[in-house]
Amino acid sequence: MTEKFKLLDNQSIGIALKQLRKKQKLSITDFSQSTGICRSYITMVEQGEANPSVEVLKTLFAGVGRNLVFSLRRQRQYAKAEKNFSSQIKAPSVRKNASGASTTKR
């Protein structure tokens, strides 16, 4: 699988959908009624626990007034930027001193 597609996982899609729904100030119940998709499934999608079809994703993103392709492209850009930022942060290195205790160097 190419890097391009690794960044679009169910978790990223769910986060994007939940952010858009909350921005619209829609409860899951209202969102469910407007899209015709049951509340529990919407919750599973938002938590990254479901593997929704493209048709379901189109319906959900249309329910928050967004185009599926545009929304996923933007989410991929955020994920890529976050990955680049995370790779620039150095984790502290752990060393053992003479007595064998761990010390952290930044």
PDB file of N, CA and C in Angstrom:
ATOM      1  N   MET A   1       0.846  -1.171   0.000  1.00  0.00           N
ATOM      2  CA  MET A   1       0.000   0.000   0.000  1.00  0.00           C
ATOM      3  C   MET A   1       0.892   1.235   0.000  1.00  0.00           C
ATOM      4  N   THR A   2       0.529   2.225  -0.786  1.00  0.00           N
ATOM      5  CA  THR A   2       1.366   3.419  -0.873  1.00  0.00           C
ATOM      6  C   THR A   2       1.124   4.338   0.318  1.00  0.00           C
ATOM      7  N   GLU A   3       2.073   5.220   0.556  1.00  0.00           N
ATOM      8  CA  GLU A   3       1.980   6.185   1.659  1.00  0.00           C
ATOM      9  C   GLU A   3       0.719   7.037   1.527  1.00  0.00           C
ATOM     10  N   LYS A   4       0.346   7.345   0.306  1.00  0.00           N
ATOM     11  CA  LYS A   4      -0.817   8.182   0.039  1.00  0.00           C
ATOM     12  C   LYS A   4      -2.081   7.626   0.689  1.00  0.00           C
ATOM     13  N   PHE A   5      -2.238   6.309   0.670  1.00  0.00           N
ATOM     14  CA  PHE A   5      -3.451   5.700   1.185  1.00  0.00           C
ATOM     15  C   PHE A   5      -3.333   5.270   2.637  1.00  0.00           C
ATOM     16  N   LYS A   6      -2.139   5.132   3.165  1.00  0.00           N
ATOM     17  CA  LYS A   6      -1.967   4.761   4.568  1.00  0.00           C
ATOM     18  C   LYS A   6      -2.500   5.836   5.496  1.00  0.00           C
ATOM     19  N   LEU A   7      -2.480   7.094   5.053  1.00  0.00           N
ATOM     20  CA  LEU A   7      -2.891   8.197   5.901  1.00  0.00           C
ATOM     21  C   LEU A   7      -4.404   8.298   6.046  1.00  0.00           C
ATOM     22  N   LEU A   8      -5.156   7.592   5.220  1.00  0.00           N
ATOM     23  CA  LEU A   8      -6.610   7.623   5.296  1.00  0.00           C
ATOM     24  C   LEU A   8      -7.124   6.334   5.920  1.00  0.00           C
ATOM     25  N   ASP A   9      -7.105   6.269   7.207  1.00  0.00           N
ATOM     26  CA  ASP A   9      -7.642   5.107   7.879  1.00  0.00           C
ATOM     27  C   ASP A   9      -9.007   5.447   8.474  1.00  0.00           C
ATOM     28  N   ASN A  10      -9.678   4.456   9.017  1.00  0.00           N
ATOM     29  CA  ASN A  10     -11.014   4.661   9.569  1.00  0.00           C
ATOM     30  C   ASN A  10     -11.003   5.679  10.707  1.00  0.00           C
ATOM     31  N   GLN A  11      -9.938   5.689  11.484  1.00  0.00           N
ATOM     32  CA  GLN A  11      -9.828   6.626  12.603  1.00  0.00           C
ATOM     33  C   GLN A  11      -9.803   8.065  12.099  1.00  0.00           C
ATOM     34  N   SER A  12      -9.000   8.349  11.075  1.00  0.00           N
ATOM     35  CA  SER A  12      -8.902   9.701  10.515  1.00  0.00           C
ATOM     36  C   SER A  12     -10.224  10.155   9.925  1.00  0.00           C
ATOM     37  N   ILE A  13     -10.888   9.255   9.234  1.00  0.00           N
ATOM     38  CA  ILE A  13     -12.184   9.578   8.630  1.00  0.00           C
ATOM     39  C   ILE A  13     -13.195   9.888   9.727  1.00  0.00           C
ATOM     40  N   GLY A  14     -13.198   9.071  10.776  1.00  0.00           N
ATOM     41  CA  GLY A  14     -14.125   9.281  11.889  1.00  0.00           C
ATOM     42  C   GLY A  14     -13.894  10.606  12.593  1.00  0.00           C
ATOM     43  N   ILE A  15     -12.633  10.941  12.806  1.00  0.00           N
ATOM     44  CA  ILE A  15     -12.296  12.215  13.459  1.00  0.00           C
ATOM     45  C   ILE A  15     -12.801  13.381  12.609  1.00  0.00           C
ATOM     46  N   ALA A  16     -12.562  13.319  11.313  1.00  0.00           N
ATOM     47  CA  ALA A  16     -12.998  14.392  10.416  1.00  0.00           C
ATOM     48  C   ALA A  16     -14.513  14.537  10.458  1.00  0.00           C
ATOM     49  N   LEU A  17     -15.216  13.417  10.395  1.00  0.00           N
ATOM     50  CA  LEU A  17     -16.678  13.451  10.399  1.00  0.00           C
ATOM     51  C   LEU A  17     -17.209  14.037  11.706  1.00  0.00           C
ATOM     52  N   LYS A  18     -16.653  13.607  12.822  1.00  0.00           N
ATOM     53  CA  LYS A  18     -17.114  14.095  14.123  1.00  0.00           C
ATOM     54  C   LYS A  18     -16.865  15.595  14.265  1.00  0.00           C
ATOM     55  N   GLN A  19     -15.698  16.055  13.824  1.00  0.00           N
ATOM     56  CA  GLN A  19     -15.400  17.487  13.895  1.00  0.00           C
ATOM     57  C   GLN A  19     -16.394  18.294  13.067  1.00  0.00           C
ATOM     58  N   LEU A  20     -16.705  17.810  11.877  1.00  0.00           N
ATOM     59  CA  LEU A  20     -17.648  18.515  11.015  1.00  0.00           C
ATOM     60  C   LEU A  20     -19.052  18.505  11.616  1.00  0.00           C
ATOM     61  N   ARG A  21     -19.461  17.383  12.177  1.00  0.00           N
ATOM     62  CA  ARG A  21     -20.791  17.286  12.795  1.00  0.00           C
ATOM     63  C   ARG A  21     -20.900  18.242  13.974  1.00  0.00           C
ATOM     64  N   LYS A  22     -19.873  18.266  14.821  1.00  0.00           N
ATOM     65  CA  LYS A  22     -19.897  19.162  15.981  1.00  0.00           C
ATOM     66  C   LYS A  22     -19.848  20.631  15.558  1.00  0.00           C
ATOM     67  N   LYS A  23     -19.128  20.921  14.498  1.00  0.00           N
ATOM     68  CA  LYS A  23     -19.068  22.289  13.985  1.00  0.00           C
ATOM     69  C   LYS A  23     -20.454  22.759  13.537  1.00  0.00           C
ATOM     70  N   GLN A  24     -21.231  21.827  13.010  1.00  0.00           N
ATOM     71  CA  GLN A  24     -22.602  22.122  12.582  1.00  0.00           C
ATOM     72  C   GLN A  24     -23.574  22.111  13.764  1.00  0.00           C
ATOM     73  N   LYS A  25     -23.057  21.763  14.950  1.00  0.00           N
ATOM     74  CA  LYS A  25     -23.860  21.663  16.181  1.00  0.00           C
ATOM     75  C   LYS A  25     -25.002  20.663  16.041  1.00  0.00           C
ATOM     76  N   LEU A  26     -24.681  19.539  15.393  1.00  0.00           N
ATOM     77  CA  LEU A  26     -25.653  18.466  15.222  1.00  0.00           C
ATOM     78  C   LEU A  26     -25.414  17.380  16.259  1.00  0.00           C
ATOM     79  N   SER A  27     -26.465  16.963  16.934  1.00  0.00           N
ATOM     80  CA  SER A  27     -26.343  15.806  17.827  1.00  0.00           C
ATOM     81  C   SER A  27     -26.318  14.564  16.943  1.00  0.00           C
ATOM     82  N   ILE A  28     -25.888  13.469  17.519  1.00  0.00           N
ATOM     83  CA  ILE A  28     -25.893  12.223  16.741  1.00  0.00           C
ATOM     84  C   ILE A  28     -27.319  11.845  16.361  1.00  0.00           C
ATOM     85  N   THR A  29     -28.277  12.095  17.252  1.00  0.00           N
ATOM     86  CA  THR A  29     -29.687  11.792  16.953  1.00  0.00           C
ATOM     87  C   THR A  29     -30.180  12.605  15.770  1.00  0.00           C
ATOM     88  N   ASP A  30     -29.922  13.911  15.780  1.00  0.00           N
ATOM     89  CA  ASP A  30     -30.345  14.762  14.659  1.00  0.00           C
ATOM     90  C   ASP A  30     -29.637  14.363  13.365  1.00  0.00           C
ATOM     91  N   PHE A  31     -28.352  14.078  13.485  1.00  0.00           N
ATOM     92  CA  PHE A  31     -27.564  13.668  12.322  1.00  0.00           C
ATOM     93  C   PHE A  31     -28.098  12.358  11.758  1.00  0.00           C
ATOM     94  N   SER A  32     -28.436  11.442  12.634  1.00  0.00           N
ATOM     95  CA  SER A  32     -28.990  10.152  12.223  1.00  0.00           C
ATOM     96  C   SER A  32     -30.315  10.340  11.482  1.00  0.00           C
ATOM     97  N   GLN A  33     -31.164  11.190  12.020  1.00  0.00           N
ATOM     98  CA  GLN A  33     -32.463  11.434  11.386  1.00  0.00           C
ATOM     99  C   GLN A  33     -32.309  12.095  10.028  1.00  0.00           C
ATOM    100  N   SER A  34     -31.364  13.014   9.907  1.00  0.00           N
ATOM    101  CA  SER A  34     -31.198  13.719   8.626  1.00  0.00           C
ATOM    102  C   SER A  34     -30.527  12.862   7.549  1.00  0.00           C
ATOM    103  N   THR A  35     -29.693  11.904   7.960  1.00  0.00           N
ATOM    104  CA  THR A  35     -28.988  11.073   6.978  1.00  0.00           C
ATOM    105  C   THR A  35     -29.658   9.719   6.746  1.00  0.00           C
ATOM    106  N   GLY A  36     -30.485   9.288   7.706  1.00  0.00           N
ATOM    107  CA  GLY A  36     -31.118   7.977   7.586  1.00  0.00           C
ATOM    108  C   GLY A  36     -30.194   6.837   8.003  1.00  0.00           C
ATOM    109  N   ILE A  37     -29.104   7.162   8.669  1.00  0.00           N
ATOM    110  CA  ILE A  37     -28.143   6.153   9.136  1.00  0.00           C
ATOM    111  C   ILE A  37     -28.270   6.072  10.660  1.00  0.00           C
ATOM    112  N   CYS A  38     -28.328   4.865  11.181  1.00  0.00           N
ATOM    113  CA  CYS A  38     -28.613   4.711  12.614  1.00  0.00           C
ATOM    114  C   CYS A  38     -27.503   5.292  13.495  1.00  0.00           C
ATOM    115  N   ARG A  39     -27.927   5.755  14.672  1.00  0.00           N
ATOM    116  CA  ARG A  39     -27.017   6.432  15.603  1.00  0.00           C
ATOM    117  C   ARG A  39     -25.823   5.578  15.984  1.00  0.00           C
ATOM    118  N   SER A  40     -26.063   4.304  16.277  1.00  0.00           N
ATOM    119  CA  SER A  40     -24.955   3.449  16.722  1.00  0.00           C
ATOM    120  C   SER A  40     -23.910   3.280  15.630  1.00  0.00           C
ATOM    121  N   TYR A  41     -24.352   3.221  14.374  1.00  0.00           N
ATOM    122  CA  TYR A  41     -23.391   3.080  13.280  1.00  0.00           C
ATOM    123  C   TYR A  41     -22.590   4.372  13.104  1.00  0.00           C
ATOM    124  N   ILE A  42     -23.255   5.527  13.243  1.00  0.00           N
ATOM    125  CA  ILE A  42     -22.547   6.806  13.154  1.00  0.00           C
ATOM    126  C   ILE A  42     -21.480   6.879  14.242  1.00  0.00           C
ATOM    127  N   THR A  43     -21.837   6.463  15.453  1.00  0.00           N
ATOM    128  CA  THR A  43     -20.879   6.451  16.558  1.00  0.00           C
ATOM    129  C   THR A  43     -19.686   5.565  16.235  1.00  0.00           C
ATOM    130  N   MET A  44     -19.958   4.387  15.683  1.00  0.00           N
ATOM    131  CA  MET A  44     -18.871   3.471  15.322  1.00  0.00           C
ATOM    132  C   MET A  44     -17.967   4.082  14.250  1.00  0.00           C
ATOM    133  N   VAL A  45     -18.558   4.756  13.284  1.00  0.00           N
ATOM    134  CA  VAL A  45     -17.770   5.413  12.228  1.00  0.00           C
ATOM    135  C   VAL A  45     -16.902   6.504  12.845  1.00  0.00           C
ATOM    136  N   GLU A  46     -17.487   7.334  13.702  1.00  0.00           N
ATOM    137  CA  GLU A  46     -16.735   8.436  14.311  1.00  0.00           C
ATOM    138  C   GLU A  46     -15.603   7.940  15.204  1.00  0.00           C
ATOM    139  N   GLN A  47     -15.763   6.756  15.789  1.00  0.00           N
ATOM    140  CA  GLN A  47     -14.724   6.201  16.653  1.00  0.00           C
ATOM    141  C   GLN A  47     -13.716   5.347  15.889  1.00  0.00           C
ATOM    142  N   GLY A  48     -13.913   5.224  14.575  1.00  0.00           N
ATOM    143  CA  GLY A  48     -12.991   4.452  13.752  1.00  0.00           C
ATOM    144  C   GLY A  48     -13.173   2.953  13.875  1.00  0.00           C
ATOM    145  N   GLU A  49     -14.318   2.526  14.404  1.00  0.00           N
ATOM    146  CA  GLU A  49     -14.575   1.102  14.625  1.00  0.00           C
ATOM    147  C   GLU A  49     -15.336   0.441  13.483  1.00  0.00           C
ATOM    148  N   ALA A  50     -15.837   1.236  12.550  1.00  0.00           N
ATOM    149  CA  ALA A  50     -16.597   0.699  11.417  1.00  0.00           C
ATOM    150  C   ALA A  50     -15.792   0.882  10.138  1.00  0.00           C
ATOM    151  N   ASN A  51     -16.146   0.114   9.135  1.00  0.00           N
ATOM    152  CA  ASN A  51     -15.518   0.227   7.830  1.00  0.00           C
ATOM    153  C   ASN A  51     -16.619   0.573   6.819  1.00  0.00           C
ATOM    154  N   PRO A  52     -17.046   1.844   6.801  1.00  0.00           N
ATOM    155  CA  PRO A  52     -18.191   2.224   5.976  1.00  0.00           C
ATOM    156  C   PRO A  52     -17.881   2.196   4.478  1.00  0.00           C
ATOM    157  N   SER A  53     -18.924   1.912   3.712  1.00  0.00           N
ATOM    158  CA  SER A  53     -18.777   1.920   2.255  1.00  0.00           C
ATOM    159  C   SER A  53     -18.654   3.361   1.772  1.00  0.00           C
ATOM    160  N   VAL A  54     -18.259   3.520   0.542  1.00  0.00           N
ATOM    161  CA  VAL A  54     -18.139   4.858  -0.048  1.00  0.00           C
ATOM    162  C   VAL A  54     -19.505   5.533  -0.075  1.00  0.00           C
ATOM    163  N   GLU A  55     -20.548   4.783  -0.354  1.00  0.00           N
ATOM    164  CA  GLU A  55     -21.903   5.354  -0.385  1.00  0.00           C
ATOM    165  C   GLU A  55     -22.315   5.880   0.980  1.00  0.00           C
ATOM    166  N   VAL A  56     -22.014   5.144   2.032  1.00  0.00           N
ATOM    167  CA  VAL A  56     -22.334   5.598   3.388  1.00  0.00           C
ATOM    168  C   VAL A  56     -21.532   6.857   3.706  1.00  0.00           C
ATOM    169  N   LEU A  57     -20.246   6.862   3.351  1.00  0.00           N
ATOM    170  CA  LEU A  57     -19.425   8.043   3.596  1.00  0.00           C
ATOM    171  C   LEU A  57     -19.956   9.258   2.843  1.00  0.00           C
ATOM    172  N   LYS A  58     -20.372   9.063   1.600  1.00  0.00           N
ATOM    173  CA  LYS A  58     -20.948  10.171   0.826  1.00  0.00           C
ATOM    174  C   LYS A  58     -22.168  10.733   1.545  1.00  0.00           C
ATOM    175  N   THR A  59     -23.026   9.849   2.028  1.00  0.00           N
ATOM    176  CA  THR A  59     -24.236  10.266   2.727  1.00  0.00           C
ATOM    177  C   THR A  59     -23.896  11.026   4.005  1.00  0.00           C
ATOM    178  N   LEU A  60     -22.941  10.491   4.782  1.00  0.00           N
ATOM    179  CA  LEU A  60     -22.569  11.132   6.040  1.00  0.00           C
ATOM    180  C   LEU A  60     -21.943  12.509   5.810  1.00  0.00           C
ATOM    181  N   PHE A  61     -21.025  12.601   4.869  1.00  0.00           N
ATOM    182  CA  PHE A  61     -20.379  13.889   4.615  1.00  0.00           C
ATOM    183  C   PHE A  61     -21.355  14.883   3.976  1.00  0.00           C
ATOM    184  N   ALA A  62     -22.281  14.405   3.167  1.00  0.00           N
ATOM    185  CA  ALA A  62     -23.319  15.291   2.626  1.00  0.00           C
ATOM    186  C   ALA A  62     -24.202  15.801   3.765  1.00  0.00           C
ATOM    187  N   GLY A  63     -24.403  14.981   4.784  1.00  0.00           N
ATOM    188  CA  GLY A  63     -25.209  15.366   5.943  1.00  0.00           C
ATOM    189  C   GLY A  63     -24.609  16.506   6.741  1.00  0.00           C
ATOM    190  N   VAL A  64     -23.316  16.730   6.607  1.00  0.00           N
ATOM    191  CA  VAL A  64     -22.663  17.874   7.265  1.00  0.00           C
ATOM    192  C   VAL A  64     -22.288  18.941   6.235  1.00  0.00           C
ATOM    193  N   GLY A  65     -22.849  18.804   5.040  1.00  0.00           N
ATOM    194  CA  GLY A  65     -22.674  19.815   4.012  1.00  0.00           C
ATOM    195  C   GLY A  65     -21.320  19.815   3.346  1.00  0.00           C
ATOM    196  N   ARG A  66     -20.668  18.687   3.313  1.00  0.00           N
ATOM    197  CA  ARG A  66     -19.337  18.609   2.711  1.00  0.00           C
ATOM    198  C   ARG A  66     -19.287  17.559   1.614  1.00  0.00           C
ATOM    199  N   ASN A  67     -18.387  17.793   0.689  1.00  0.00           N
ATOM    200  CA  ASN A  67     -18.088  16.844  -0.374  1.00  0.00           C
ATOM    201  C   ASN A  67     -17.110  15.810   0.188  1.00  0.00           C
ATOM    202  N   LEU A  68     -17.376  14.559  -0.035  1.00  0.00           N
ATOM    203  CA  LEU A  68     -16.542  13.487   0.514  1.00  0.00           C
ATOM    204  C   LEU A  68     -15.091  13.613   0.076  1.00  0.00           C
ATOM    205  N   VAL A  69     -14.828  13.803  -1.191  1.00  0.00           N
ATOM    206  CA  VAL A  69     -13.462  13.845  -1.702  1.00  0.00           C
ATOM    207  C   VAL A  69     -12.708  15.033  -1.121  1.00  0.00           C
ATOM    208  N   PHE A  70     -13.334  16.197  -1.089  1.00  0.00           N
ATOM    209  CA  PHE A  70     -12.686  17.382  -0.529  1.00  0.00           C
ATOM    210  C   PHE A  70     -12.361  17.170   0.946  1.00  0.00           C
ATOM    211  N   SER A  71     -13.302  16.623   1.690  1.00  0.00           N
ATOM    212  CA  SER A  71     -13.104  16.415   3.128  1.00  0.00           C
ATOM    213  C   SER A  71     -11.981  15.435   3.406  1.00  0.00           C
ATOM    214  N   LEU A  72     -11.919  14.356   2.651  1.00  0.00           N
ATOM    215  CA  LEU A  72     -10.876  13.359   2.872  1.00  0.00           C
ATOM    216  C   LEU A  72      -9.519  13.873   2.432  1.00  0.00           C
ATOM    217  N   ARG A  73      -9.491  14.657   1.377  1.00  0.00           N
ATOM    218  CA  ARG A  73      -8.227  15.246   0.933  1.00  0.00           C
ATOM    219  C   ARG A  73      -7.684  16.170   2.021  1.00  0.00           C
ATOM    220  N   ARG A  74      -8.546  16.982   2.589  1.00  0.00           N
ATOM    221  CA  ARG A  74      -8.120  17.896   3.655  1.00  0.00           C
ATOM    222  C   ARG A  74      -7.658  17.096   4.875  1.00  0.00           C
ATOM    223  N   GLN A  75      -8.378  16.030   5.239  1.00  0.00           N
ATOM    224  CA  GLN A  75      -7.987  15.220   6.398  1.00  0.00           C
ATOM    225  C   GLN A  75      -6.631  14.558   6.146  1.00  0.00           C
ATOM    226  N   ARG A  76      -6.383  14.134   4.915  1.00  0.00           N
ATOM    227  CA  ARG A  76      -5.095  13.525   4.574  1.00  0.00           C
ATOM    228  C   ARG A  76      -3.975  14.545   4.728  1.00  0.00           C
ATOM    229  N   GLN A  77      -4.232  15.788   4.333  1.00  0.00           N
ATOM    230  CA  GLN A  77      -3.226  16.842   4.481  1.00  0.00           C
ATOM    231  C   GLN A  77      -2.920  17.076   5.959  1.00  0.00           C
ATOM    232  N   TYR A  78      -3.947  17.094   6.808  1.00  0.00           N
ATOM    233  CA  TYR A  78      -3.736  17.270   8.247  1.00  0.00           C
ATOM    234  C   TYR A  78      -2.924  16.110   8.816  1.00  0.00           C
ATOM    235  N   ALA A  79      -3.266  14.888   8.404  1.00  0.00           N
ATOM    236  CA  ALA A  79      -2.554  13.710   8.913  1.00  0.00           C
ATOM    237  C   ALA A  79      -1.094  13.751   8.482  1.00  0.00           C
ATOM    238  N   LYS A  80      -0.843  14.154   7.255  1.00  0.00           N
ATOM    239  CA  LYS A  80       0.525  14.222   6.757  1.00  0.00           C
ATOM    240  C   LYS A  80       1.315  15.291   7.509  1.00  0.00           C
ATOM    241  N   ALA A  81       0.696  16.442   7.739  1.00  0.00           N
ATOM    242  CA  ALA A  81       1.368  17.510   8.482  1.00  0.00           C
ATOM    243  C   ALA A  81       1.655  17.069   9.913  1.00  0.00           C
ATOM    244  N   GLU A  82       0.701  16.378  10.523  1.00  0.00           N
ATOM    245  CA  GLU A  82       0.902  15.893  11.895  1.00  0.00           C
ATOM    246  C   GLU A  82       2.035  14.875  11.952  1.00  0.00           C
ATOM    247  N   LYS A  83       2.099  14.010  10.946  1.00  0.00           N
ATOM    248  CA  LYS A  83       3.161  13.007  10.904  1.00  0.00           C
ATOM    249  C   LYS A  83       4.520  13.690  10.752  1.00  0.00           C
ATOM    250  N   ASN A  84       4.593  14.689   9.877  1.00  0.00           N
ATOM    251  CA  ASN A  84       5.848  15.423   9.690  1.00  0.00           C
ATOM    252  C   ASN A  84       6.258  16.141  10.967  1.00  0.00           C
ATOM    253  N   PHE A  85       5.299  16.742  11.652  1.00  0.00           N
ATOM    254  CA  PHE A  85       5.582  17.445  12.901  1.00  0.00           C
ATOM    255  C   PHE A  85       6.079  16.461  13.963  1.00  0.00           C
ATOM    256  N   SER A  86       5.404  15.319  14.071  1.00  0.00           N
ATOM    257  CA  SER A  86       5.790  14.319  15.070  1.00  0.00           C
ATOM    258  C   SER A  86       7.190  13.780  14.827  1.00  0.00           C
ATOM    259  N   SER A  87       7.583  13.647  13.570  1.00  0.00           N
ATOM    260  CA  SER A  87       8.910  13.107  13.260  1.00  0.00           C
ATOM    261  C   SER A  87      10.017  14.111  13.587  1.00  0.00           C
ATOM    262  N   GLN A  88       9.657  15.391  13.709  1.00  0.00           N
ATOM    263  CA  GLN A  88      10.653  16.415  14.026  1.00  0.00           C
ATOM    264  C   GLN A  88      10.904  16.543  15.526  1.00  0.00           C
ATOM    265  N   ILE A  89       9.992  16.006  16.321  1.00  0.00           N
ATOM    266  CA  ILE A  89      10.140  16.077  17.775  1.00  0.00           C
ATOM    267  C   ILE A  89      11.008  14.928  18.237  1.00  0.00           C
ATOM    268  N   LYS A  90      12.061  15.239  18.965  1.00  0.00           N
ATOM    269  CA  LYS A  90      12.949  14.190  19.448  1.00  0.00           C
ATOM    270  C   LYS A  90      12.436  13.640  20.761  1.00  0.00           C
ATOM    271  N   ALA A  91      12.417  12.348  20.862  1.00  0.00           N
ATOM    272  CA  ALA A  91      12.062  11.711  22.123  1.00  0.00           C
ATOM    273  C   ALA A  91      13.280  11.770  23.035  1.00  0.00           C
ATOM    274  N   PRO A  92      13.052  11.942  24.323  1.00  0.00           N
ATOM    275  CA  PRO A  92      14.196  11.983  25.233  1.00  0.00           C
ATOM    276  C   PRO A  92      14.912  10.639  25.264  1.00  0.00           C
ATOM    277  N   SER A  93      16.225  10.693  25.331  1.00  0.00           N
ATOM    278  CA  SER A  93      16.978   9.448  25.406  1.00  0.00           C
ATOM    279  C   SER A  93      17.176   9.074  26.871  1.00  0.00           C
ATOM    280  N   VAL A  94      17.140   7.797  27.143  1.00  0.00           N
ATOM    281  CA  VAL A  94      17.270   7.309  28.516  1.00  0.00           C
ATOM    282  C   VAL A  94      18.640   6.661  28.662  1.00  0.00           C
ATOM    283  N   ARG A  95      19.354   7.083  29.698  1.00  0.00           N
ATOM    284  CA  ARG A  95      20.664   6.505  29.984  1.00  0.00           C
ATOM    285  C   ARG A  95      20.669   5.959  31.401  1.00  0.00           C
ATOM    286  N   LYS A  96      21.581   5.081  31.649  1.00  0.00           N
ATOM    287  CA  LYS A  96      21.763   4.559  33.002  1.00  0.00           C
ATOM    288  C   LYS A  96      23.015   5.193  33.582  1.00  0.00           C
ATOM    289  N   ASN A  97      22.890   5.676  34.802  1.00  0.00           N
ATOM    290  CA  ASN A  97      24.066   6.260  35.441  1.00  0.00           C
ATOM    291  C   ASN A  97      24.884   5.158  36.115  1.00  0.00           C
ATOM    292  N   ALA A  98      25.933   5.533  36.808  1.00  0.00           N
ATOM    293  CA  ALA A  98      26.837   4.570  37.411  1.00  0.00           C
ATOM    294  C   ALA A  98      26.150   3.621  38.394  1.00  0.00           C
ATOM    295  N   SER A  99      25.102   4.098  39.063  1.00  0.00           N
ATOM    296  CA  SER A  99      24.412   3.244  40.029  1.00  0.00           C
ATOM    297  C   SER A  99      23.345   2.383  39.360  1.00  0.00           C
ATOM    298  N   GLY A 100      23.150   2.547  38.062  1.00  0.00           N
ATOM    299  CA  GLY A 100      22.184   1.719  37.344  1.00  0.00           C
ATOM    300  C   GLY A 100      20.806   2.351  37.237  1.00  0.00           C
ATOM    301  N   ALA A 101      20.617   3.550  37.799  1.00  0.00           N
ATOM    302  CA  ALA A 101      19.334   4.243  37.720  1.00  0.00           C
ATOM    303  C   ALA A 101      19.198   4.920  36.353  1.00  0.00           C
ATOM    304  N   SER A 102      18.005   4.968  35.850  1.00  0.00           N
ATOM    305  CA  SER A 102      17.757   5.620  34.558  1.00  0.00           C
ATOM    306  C   SER A 102      17.711   7.114  34.716  1.00  0.00           C
ATOM    307  N   THR A 103      18.310   7.803  33.763  1.00  0.00           N
ATOM    308  CA  THR A 103      18.245   9.261  33.706  1.00  0.00           C
ATOM    309  C   THR A 103      17.781   9.647  32.321  1.00  0.00           C
ATOM    310  N   THR A 104      17.147  10.790  32.218  1.00  0.00           N
ATOM    311  CA  THR A 104      16.626  11.246  30.929  1.00  0.00           C
ATOM    312  C   THR A 104      17.429  12.445  30.459  1.00  0.00           C
ATOM    313  N   LYS A 105      17.857  12.391  29.193  1.00  0.00           N
ATOM    314  CA  LYS A 105      18.565  13.504  28.579  1.00  0.00           C
ATOM    315  C   LYS A 105      17.708  14.048  27.461  1.00  0.00           C
ATOM    316  N   ARG A 106      17.537  15.338  27.410  1.00  0.00           N
ATOM    317  CA  ARG A 106      16.733  15.970  26.353  1.00  0.00           C
ATOM    318  C   ARG A 106      17.610  16.656  25.357  1.00  0.00           C
TER     319      ARG A 106
END
